[in-house]
Amino acid sequence: MLLAVDTSTAQTGLALYDGNQVLGEMVWQSKLFHTQELAPALAELFARTSSKITAVEALGVAVGPGSFTSLRVGLAFVKGLCLARHLPVIGIPTLDIVAAAQPGGTKSEKGTTKPVPLAAVLQAGRGRLAIAWYRASKDGWKPAALRNSAAHLTLTDIDSFADSIKSPTLVCGELTADERQRLARKRKNVILASPAASTRRPGILAELAWERWQAGATDNPATLAPIYLHVTEALSS
């Protein structure tokens, strides 16, 4: 059984997964009280699924981008379990979780089907959005460029982001009501995922981590580090 932990932002999640089904899943808005809430929530998840920590064989954790404090809390929590119980750990980029939950990116046009890009969005504070770009493939959504490069992960505001979309693009992730309205004005080019489809599900994180674990692609807990956002960076024009 694999335990997945996501504390990238105020939206927090836990899941238990055995390779065949999500045994239990919890998602809540923590209001940045991750330290106080994480352990009791995990105890509740174990109780609801009649599971025990001794049944956990691997750990999956969202590594960001996200909030500096909340990412550190989640990663420290997982590393503590990893070292105490000698468990393998797998770090998954946070926006990969959002992207993996989306259907294949296609748009019908005069009887044909064409792939469209995907932009996965995360709140970065001070009116900024962190945006990771993906392309459709037969194996699901893949990063459109090298990770952490300017072409894959960008930091911008909602108006600049909306203006940059010149062709049909699937957009998903954390967006406020106002941001969703601004993007919805560009209906010709913006294919906006619903709020439910944009929620980061820890069950998806668990599946991604399980796949890597089964392939033997685990991480070194000593060097596993969060992906932080440089919020002092100038906004894109």
C-alpha atoms as a PDB file:
ATOM      1  CA  MET A   1       0.000   0.000   0.000  1.00  0.00           C
ATOM      2  CA  LEU A   2       1.213   3.523  -0.832  1.00  0.00           C
ATOM      3  CA  LEU A   3       0.474   6.676   1.154  1.00  0.00           C
ATOM      4  CA  ALA A   4       0.279   9.927  -0.850  1.00  0.00           C
ATOM      5  CA  VAL A   5       0.663  13.359   0.776  1.00  0.00           C
ATOM      6  CA  ASP A   6       0.048  16.745  -0.883  1.00  0.00           C
ATOM      7  CA  THR A   7       0.563  19.985   1.076  1.00  0.00           C
ATOM      8  CA  SER A   8       1.594  22.181  -1.861  1.00  0.00           C
ATOM      9  CA  THR A   9      -0.952  24.897  -1.078  1.00  0.00           C
ATOM     10  CA  ALA A  10      -3.868  25.500   1.294  1.00  0.00           C
ATOM     11  CA  GLN A  11      -5.569  22.626  -0.518  1.00  0.00           C
ATOM     12  CA  THR A  12      -4.257  19.557   1.285  1.00  0.00           C
ATOM     13  CA  GLY A  13      -4.740  15.893   0.466  1.00  0.00           C
ATOM     14  CA  LEU A  14      -4.010  12.357   1.638  1.00  0.00           C
ATOM     15  CA  ALA A  15      -4.680   9.047  -0.097  1.00  0.00           C
ATOM     16  CA  LEU A  16      -4.089   5.338   0.413  1.00  0.00           C
ATOM     17  CA  TYR A  17      -3.636   3.264  -2.751  1.00  0.00           C
ATOM     18  CA  ASP A  18      -2.910  -0.431  -3.309  1.00  0.00           C
ATOM     19  CA  GLY A  19      -2.335  -0.526  -7.062  1.00  0.00           C
ATOM     20  CA  ASN A  20      -5.903  -1.599  -7.782  1.00  0.00           C
ATOM     21  CA  GLN A  21      -8.005   1.021  -6.032  1.00  0.00           C
ATOM     22  CA  VAL A  22      -7.914   4.168  -3.947  1.00  0.00           C
ATOM     23  CA  LEU A  23      -8.692   2.775  -0.495  1.00  0.00           C
ATOM     24  CA  GLY A  24      -9.284   6.188   1.014  1.00  0.00           C
ATOM     25  CA  GLU A  25      -8.854   9.825   0.053  1.00  0.00           C
ATOM     26  CA  MET A  26      -9.160  13.130   1.910  1.00  0.00           C
ATOM     27  CA  VAL A  27      -9.028  16.668   0.476  1.00  0.00           C
ATOM     28  CA  TRP A  28      -9.530  19.833   2.528  1.00  0.00           C
ATOM     29  CA  GLN A  29      -8.583  23.505   2.755  1.00  0.00           C
ATOM     30  CA  SER A  30      -6.149  23.708   5.653  1.00  0.00           C
ATOM     31  CA  LYS A  31      -5.856  27.519   5.870  1.00  0.00           C
ATOM     32  CA  LEU A  32      -2.097  26.914   6.231  1.00  0.00           C
ATOM     33  CA  PHE A  33      -2.435  24.898   9.450  1.00  0.00           C
ATOM     34  CA  HIS A  34      -0.737  21.897   7.862  1.00  0.00           C
ATOM     35  CA  THR A  35       1.484  21.156  10.854  1.00  0.00           C
ATOM     36  CA  GLN A  36      -1.440  20.815  13.260  1.00  0.00           C
ATOM     37  CA  GLU A  37      -3.797  19.031  10.862  1.00  0.00           C
ATOM     38  CA  LEU A  38      -1.687  16.530   8.945  1.00  0.00           C
ATOM     39  CA  ALA A  39      -1.065  13.836  11.588  1.00  0.00           C
ATOM     40  CA  PRO A  40      -4.665  13.812  12.941  1.00  0.00           C
ATOM     41  CA  ALA A  41      -6.016  13.646   9.380  1.00  0.00           C
ATOM     42  CA  LEU A  42      -3.794  10.664   8.595  1.00  0.00           C
ATOM     43  CA  ALA A  43      -4.958   8.909  11.762  1.00  0.00           C
ATOM     44  CA  GLU A  44      -8.558   9.510  10.678  1.00  0.00           C
ATOM     45  CA  LEU A  45      -7.832   8.151   7.195  1.00  0.00           C
ATOM     46  CA  PHE A  46      -6.330   4.982   8.668  1.00  0.00           C
ATOM     47  CA  ALA A  47      -9.353   4.587  10.955  1.00  0.00           C
ATOM     48  CA  ARG A  48     -11.872   5.064   8.126  1.00  0.00           C
ATOM     49  CA  THR A  49     -10.121   2.502   5.927  1.00  0.00           C
ATOM     50  CA  SER A  50      -9.349   0.060   8.745  1.00  0.00           C
ATOM     51  CA  SER A  51      -5.693   0.346   7.790  1.00  0.00           C
ATOM     52  CA  LYS A  52      -2.480   0.750   9.749  1.00  0.00           C
ATOM     53  CA  ILE A  53       0.819   2.486   9.133  1.00  0.00           C
ATOM     54  CA  THR A  54       2.485  -0.933   9.180  1.00  0.00           C
ATOM     55  CA  ALA A  55       0.694  -1.749   5.898  1.00  0.00           C
ATOM     56  CA  VAL A  56       2.271   1.239   4.094  1.00  0.00           C
ATOM     57  CA  GLU A  57       5.120   0.088   1.843  1.00  0.00           C
ATOM     58  CA  ALA A  58       5.899   3.309  -0.047  1.00  0.00           C
ATOM     59  CA  LEU A  59       5.329   7.070   0.134  1.00  0.00           C
ATOM     60  CA  GLY A  60       4.384   9.569  -2.551  1.00  0.00           C
ATOM     61  CA  VAL A  61       4.671  13.313  -1.974  1.00  0.00           C
ATOM     62  CA  ALA A  62       3.896  16.416  -4.025  1.00  0.00           C
ATOM     63  CA  VAL A  63       7.098  18.461  -4.308  1.00  0.00           C
ATOM     64  CA  GLY A  64       5.771  21.707  -5.751  1.00  0.00           C
ATOM     65  CA  PRO A  65       5.726  24.344  -6.959  1.00  0.00           C
ATOM     66  CA  GLY A  66       3.721  25.696  -4.074  1.00  0.00           C
ATOM     67  CA  SER A  67       3.849  27.551  -0.782  1.00  0.00           C
ATOM     68  CA  PHE A  68       7.296  27.638   0.869  1.00  0.00           C
ATOM     69  CA  THR A  69       5.982  26.738   4.332  1.00  0.00           C
ATOM     70  CA  SER A  70       3.368  24.162   3.364  1.00  0.00           C
ATOM     71  CA  LEU A  71       5.752  22.299   1.033  1.00  0.00           C
ATOM     72  CA  ARG A  72       8.342  22.038   3.798  1.00  0.00           C
ATOM     73  CA  VAL A  73       5.745  20.684   6.230  1.00  0.00           C
ATOM     74  CA  GLY A  74       4.586  17.953   3.859  1.00  0.00           C
ATOM     75  CA  LEU A  75       8.067  16.937   2.793  1.00  0.00           C
ATOM     76  CA  ALA A  76       9.343  16.853   6.388  1.00  0.00           C
ATOM     77  CA  PHE A  77       6.352  14.720   7.388  1.00  0.00           C
ATOM     78  CA  VAL A  78       6.971  12.220   4.586  1.00  0.00           C
ATOM     79  CA  LYS A  79      10.740  12.123   5.166  1.00  0.00           C
ATOM     80  CA  GLY A  80      10.113  11.414   8.837  1.00  0.00           C
ATOM     81  CA  LEU A  81       7.935   8.411   7.948  1.00  0.00           C
ATOM     82  CA  CYS A  82      10.446   7.332   5.313  1.00  0.00           C
ATOM     83  CA  LEU A  83      13.396   7.295   7.707  1.00  0.00           C
ATOM     84  CA  ALA A  84      11.481   5.874  10.669  1.00  0.00           C
ATOM     85  CA  ARG A  85      10.043   2.959   8.705  1.00  0.00           C
ATOM     86  CA  HIS A  86      12.711   2.614   5.985  1.00  0.00           C
ATOM     87  CA  LEU A  87      10.200   3.184   3.180  1.00  0.00           C
ATOM     88  CA  PRO A  88      10.897   4.228  -0.416  1.00  0.00           C
ATOM     89  CA  VAL A  89       9.742   7.743  -1.318  1.00  0.00           C
ATOM     90  CA  ILE A  90       8.680   9.198  -4.662  1.00  0.00           C
ATOM     91  CA  GLY A  91       8.387  12.949  -5.293  1.00  0.00           C
ATOM     92  CA  ILE A  92       5.864  14.104  -7.902  1.00  0.00           C
ATOM     93  CA  PRO A  93       5.697  17.676  -9.307  1.00  0.00           C
ATOM     94  CA  THR A  94       2.448  19.222  -8.088  1.00  0.00           C
ATOM     95  CA  LEU A  95       1.160  20.409 -11.456  1.00  0.00           C
ATOM     96  CA  ASP A  96       1.707  16.934 -12.927  1.00  0.00           C
ATOM     97  CA  ILE A  97      -1.106  15.806 -10.605  1.00  0.00           C
ATOM     98  CA  VAL A  98      -3.535  18.333 -12.076  1.00  0.00           C
ATOM     99  CA  ALA A  99      -2.498  17.532 -15.639  1.00  0.00           C
ATOM    100  CA  ALA A 100      -2.784  13.757 -15.184  1.00  0.00           C
ATOM    101  CA  ALA A 101      -6.450  14.098 -14.206  1.00  0.00           C
ATOM    102  CA  GLN A 102      -7.423  15.790 -17.485  1.00  0.00           C
ATOM    103  CA  PRO A 103      -8.837  13.980 -20.537  1.00  0.00           C
ATOM    104  CA  GLY A 104      -6.768  13.849 -23.730  1.00  0.00           C
ATOM    105  CA  GLY A 105      -6.333  17.265 -25.310  1.00  0.00           C
ATOM    106  CA  THR A 106      -8.227  17.304 -28.597  1.00  0.00           C
ATOM    107  CA  LYS A 107     -10.456  19.771 -30.386  1.00  0.00           C
ATOM    108  CA  SER A 108     -12.778  18.906 -33.270  1.00  0.00           C
ATOM    109  CA  GLU A 109     -12.417  21.166 -36.267  1.00  0.00           C
ATOM    110  CA  LYS A 110     -14.366  20.518 -39.481  1.00  0.00           C
ATOM    111  CA  GLY A 111     -14.573  16.809 -38.840  1.00  0.00           C
ATOM    112  CA  THR A 112     -10.945  16.437 -37.759  1.00  0.00           C
ATOM    113  CA  THR A 113      -9.376  16.105 -34.327  1.00  0.00           C
ATOM    114  CA  LYS A 114      -6.321  18.120 -33.382  1.00  0.00           C
ATOM    115  CA  PRO A 115      -4.255  17.978 -30.186  1.00  0.00           C
ATOM    116  CA  VAL A 116      -4.246  21.082 -28.006  1.00  0.00           C
ATOM    117  CA  PRO A 117      -1.768  22.115 -25.299  1.00  0.00           C
ATOM    118  CA  LEU A 118      -2.591  22.126 -21.596  1.00  0.00           C
ATOM    119  CA  ALA A 119      -1.781  24.813 -19.033  1.00  0.00           C
ATOM    120  CA  ALA A 120      -1.911  23.638 -15.406  1.00  0.00           C
ATOM    121  CA  VAL A 121      -2.248  26.544 -12.984  1.00  0.00           C
ATOM    122  CA  LEU A 122      -1.383  27.099  -9.326  1.00  0.00           C
ATOM    123  CA  GLN A 123      -1.869  30.177  -7.133  1.00  0.00           C
ATOM    124  CA  ALA A 124       1.534  31.773  -6.443  1.00  0.00           C
ATOM    125  CA  GLY A 125       0.483  34.664  -4.193  1.00  0.00           C
ATOM    126  CA  ARG A 126       0.365  38.439  -4.791  1.00  0.00           C
ATOM    127  CA  GLY A 127      -1.941  37.968  -7.776  1.00  0.00           C
ATOM    128  CA  ARG A 128       0.528  35.668  -9.521  1.00  0.00           C
ATOM    129  CA  LEU A 129      -0.055  32.307 -11.149  1.00  0.00           C
ATOM    130  CA  ALA A 130       2.471  29.518 -11.650  1.00  0.00           C
ATOM    131  CA  ILE A 131       1.757  27.811 -14.971  1.00  0.00           C
ATOM    132  CA  ALA A 132       3.220  24.554 -16.256  1.00  0.00           C
ATOM    133  CA  TRP A 133       2.739  23.625 -19.922  1.00  0.00           C
ATOM    134  CA  TYR A 134       2.038  20.130 -21.224  1.00  0.00           C
ATOM    135  CA  ARG A 135       1.511  18.435 -24.576  1.00  0.00           C
ATOM    136  CA  ALA A 136      -0.792  15.527 -25.351  1.00  0.00           C
ATOM    137  CA  SER A 137       0.771  12.126 -26.097  1.00  0.00           C
ATOM    138  CA  LYS A 138      -0.433   8.546 -26.394  1.00  0.00           C
ATOM    139  CA  ASP A 139       0.797   8.042 -22.816  1.00  0.00           C
ATOM    140  CA  GLY A 140      -1.044  11.062 -21.411  1.00  0.00           C
ATOM    141  CA  TRP A 141       0.120  14.606 -20.742  1.00  0.00           C
ATOM    142  CA  LYS A 142       3.873  15.187 -20.918  1.00  0.00           C
ATOM    143  CA  PRO A 143       5.876  18.346 -20.059  1.00  0.00           C
ATOM    144  CA  ALA A 144       6.091  20.584 -23.121  1.00  0.00           C
ATOM    145  CA  ALA A 145       9.714  21.452 -22.326  1.00  0.00           C
ATOM    146  CA  LEU A 146      12.454  20.691 -19.808  1.00  0.00           C
ATOM    147  CA  ARG A 147      11.174  20.963 -16.253  1.00  0.00           C
ATOM    148  CA  ASN A 148      11.776  24.272 -14.458  1.00  0.00           C
ATOM    149  CA  SER A 149      12.697  25.948 -17.753  1.00  0.00           C
ATOM    150  CA  ALA A 150      11.040  29.163 -18.874  1.00  0.00           C
ATOM    151  CA  ALA A 151       9.202  27.181 -21.544  1.00  0.00           C
ATOM    152  CA  HIS A 152       7.679  24.725 -19.042  1.00  0.00           C
ATOM    153  CA  LEU A 153       7.101  26.661 -15.815  1.00  0.00           C
ATOM    154  CA  THR A 154       6.220  30.356 -15.928  1.00  0.00           C
ATOM    155  CA  LEU A 155       5.135  32.948 -13.361  1.00  0.00           C
ATOM    156  CA  THR A 156       2.656  35.569 -14.508  1.00  0.00           C
ATOM    157  CA  ASP A 157      -0.675  37.298 -13.771  1.00  0.00           C
ATOM    158  CA  ILE A 158      -4.117  36.355 -15.057  1.00  0.00           C
ATOM    159  CA  ASP A 159      -4.394  39.108 -17.676  1.00  0.00           C
ATOM    160  CA  SER A 160      -0.974  38.386 -19.181  1.00  0.00           C
ATOM    161  CA  PHE A 161      -1.782  34.686 -19.157  1.00  0.00           C
ATOM    162  CA  ALA A 162      -5.125  35.224 -20.919  1.00  0.00           C
ATOM    163  CA  ASP A 163      -3.525  37.495 -23.521  1.00  0.00           C
ATOM    164  CA  SER A 164      -0.835  34.887 -24.244  1.00  0.00           C
ATOM    165  CA  ILE A 165      -3.362  32.229 -25.308  1.00  0.00           C
ATOM    166  CA  LYS A 166      -3.634  32.586 -29.093  1.00  0.00           C
ATOM    167  CA  SER A 167      -4.903  29.105 -29.987  1.00  0.00           C
ATOM    168  CA  PRO A 168      -7.185  26.485 -28.354  1.00  0.00           C
ATOM    169  CA  THR A 169      -5.695  25.556 -24.971  1.00  0.00           C
ATOM    170  CA  LEU A 170      -7.001  23.443 -22.101  1.00  0.00           C
ATOM    171  CA  VAL A 171      -6.647  25.304 -18.781  1.00  0.00           C
ATOM    172  CA  CYS A 172      -7.016  23.621 -15.387  1.00  0.00           C
ATOM    173  CA  GLY A 173      -5.956  24.124 -11.784  1.00  0.00           C
ATOM    174  CA  GLU A 174      -6.391  26.600  -8.941  1.00  0.00           C
ATOM    175  CA  LEU A 175      -8.280  29.659 -10.175  1.00  0.00           C
ATOM    176  CA  THR A 176     -10.389  32.207  -8.322  1.00  0.00           C
ATOM    177  CA  ALA A 177     -13.925  33.029  -9.486  1.00  0.00           C
ATOM    178  CA  ASP A 178     -12.668  36.287 -11.009  1.00  0.00           C
ATOM    179  CA  GLU A 179      -9.819  34.534 -12.830  1.00  0.00           C
ATOM    180  CA  ARG A 180     -12.192  31.943 -14.239  1.00  0.00           C
ATOM    181  CA  GLN A 181     -14.466  34.720 -15.519  1.00  0.00           C
ATOM    182  CA  ARG A 182     -11.583  36.499 -17.226  1.00  0.00           C
ATOM    183  CA  LEU A 183     -10.460  33.324 -18.957  1.00  0.00           C
ATOM    184  CA  ALA A 184     -14.031  32.416 -19.911  1.00  0.00           C
ATOM    185  CA  ARG A 185     -14.216  35.580 -22.009  1.00  0.00           C
ATOM    186  CA  LYS A 186     -11.790  33.934 -24.433  1.00  0.00           C
ATOM    187  CA  ARG A 187     -14.113  31.041 -25.174  1.00  0.00           C
ATOM    188  CA  LYS A 188     -12.755  30.603 -28.675  1.00  0.00           C
ATOM    189  CA  ASN A 189      -9.303  29.638 -27.380  1.00  0.00           C
ATOM    190  CA  VAL A 190      -9.690  28.735 -23.690  1.00  0.00           C
ATOM    191  CA  ILE A 191     -11.089  25.302 -22.871  1.00  0.00           C
ATOM    192  CA  LEU A 192     -11.658  25.766 -19.149  1.00  0.00           C
ATOM    193  CA  ALA A 193     -11.772  22.665 -16.943  1.00  0.00           C
ATOM    194  CA  SER A 194     -14.471  22.678 -14.269  1.00  0.00           C
ATOM    195  CA  PRO A 195     -13.571  23.400 -10.621  1.00  0.00           C
ATOM    196  CA  ALA A 196     -14.061  19.708  -9.760  1.00  0.00           C
ATOM    197  CA  ALA A 197     -11.815  18.600 -12.629  1.00  0.00           C
ATOM    198  CA  SER A 198      -9.224  21.162 -11.492  1.00  0.00           C
ATOM    199  CA  THR A 199      -8.988  19.884  -7.916  1.00  0.00           C
ATOM    200  CA  ARG A 200      -5.687  18.180  -7.108  1.00  0.00           C
ATOM    201  CA  ARG A 201      -6.665  14.664  -6.127  1.00  0.00           C
ATOM    202  CA  PRO A 202      -4.216  12.825  -3.865  1.00  0.00           C
ATOM    203  CA  GLY A 203      -5.504   9.626  -5.486  1.00  0.00           C
ATOM    204  CA  ILE A 204      -3.950  10.792  -8.762  1.00  0.00           C
ATOM    205  CA  LEU A 205      -0.714  11.598  -6.935  1.00  0.00           C
ATOM    206  CA  ALA A 206      -0.795   8.067  -5.511  1.00  0.00           C
ATOM    207  CA  GLU A 207      -1.206   6.517  -8.969  1.00  0.00           C
ATOM    208  CA  LEU A 208       1.698   8.515 -10.390  1.00  0.00           C
ATOM    209  CA  ALA A 209       3.921   7.626  -7.429  1.00  0.00           C
ATOM    210  CA  TRP A 210       2.887   3.955  -7.600  1.00  0.00           C
ATOM    211  CA  GLU A 211       3.846   3.756 -11.278  1.00  0.00           C
ATOM    212  CA  ARG A 212       7.297   5.157 -10.547  1.00  0.00           C
ATOM    213  CA  TRP A 213       7.731   2.923  -7.512  1.00  0.00           C
ATOM    214  CA  GLN A 214       6.906  -0.176  -9.538  1.00  0.00           C
ATOM    215  CA  ALA A 215       9.455   0.935 -12.140  1.00  0.00           C
ATOM    216  CA  GLY A 216      12.101   1.316  -9.435  1.00  0.00           C
ATOM    217  CA  ALA A 217      12.329   5.092  -9.929  1.00  0.00           C
ATOM    218  CA  THR A 218      12.386   6.154  -6.282  1.00  0.00           C
ATOM    219  CA  ASP A 219      14.031   9.260  -4.830  1.00  0.00           C
ATOM    220  CA  ASN A 220      16.797   9.709  -2.295  1.00  0.00           C
ATOM    221  CA  PRO A 221      15.086  11.169   0.800  1.00  0.00           C
ATOM    222  CA  ALA A 222      18.274  13.006   1.738  1.00  0.00           C
ATOM    223  CA  THR A 223      18.323  15.002  -1.492  1.00  0.00           C
ATOM    224  CA  LEU A 224      14.612  15.219  -2.316  1.00  0.00           C
ATOM    225  CA  ALA A 225      13.778  18.931  -2.232  1.00  0.00           C
ATOM    226  CA  PRO A 226      10.705  21.093  -2.926  1.00  0.00           C
ATOM    227  CA  ILE A 227      10.273  23.139  -6.094  1.00  0.00           C
ATOM    228  CA  TYR A 228       9.867  26.677  -4.803  1.00  0.00           C
ATOM    229  CA  LEU A 229       8.421  29.639  -6.675  1.00  0.00           C
ATOM    230  CA  HIS A 230      10.523  32.767  -6.963  1.00  0.00           C
ATOM    231  CA  VAL A 231       7.747  35.209  -6.094  1.00  0.00           C
ATOM    232  CA  THR A 232      10.050  38.234  -6.346  1.00  0.00           C
ATOM    233  CA  GLU A 233      10.554  37.498 -10.030  1.00  0.00           C
ATOM    234  CA  ALA A 234       9.188  40.095 -12.432  1.00  0.00           C
ATOM    235  CA  LEU A 235       5.804  39.298 -13.936  1.00  0.00           C
ATOM    236  CA  SER A 236       5.645  38.360 -17.588  1.00  0.00           C
ATOM    237  CA  SER A 237       4.576  41.171 -19.848  1.00  0.00           C
END
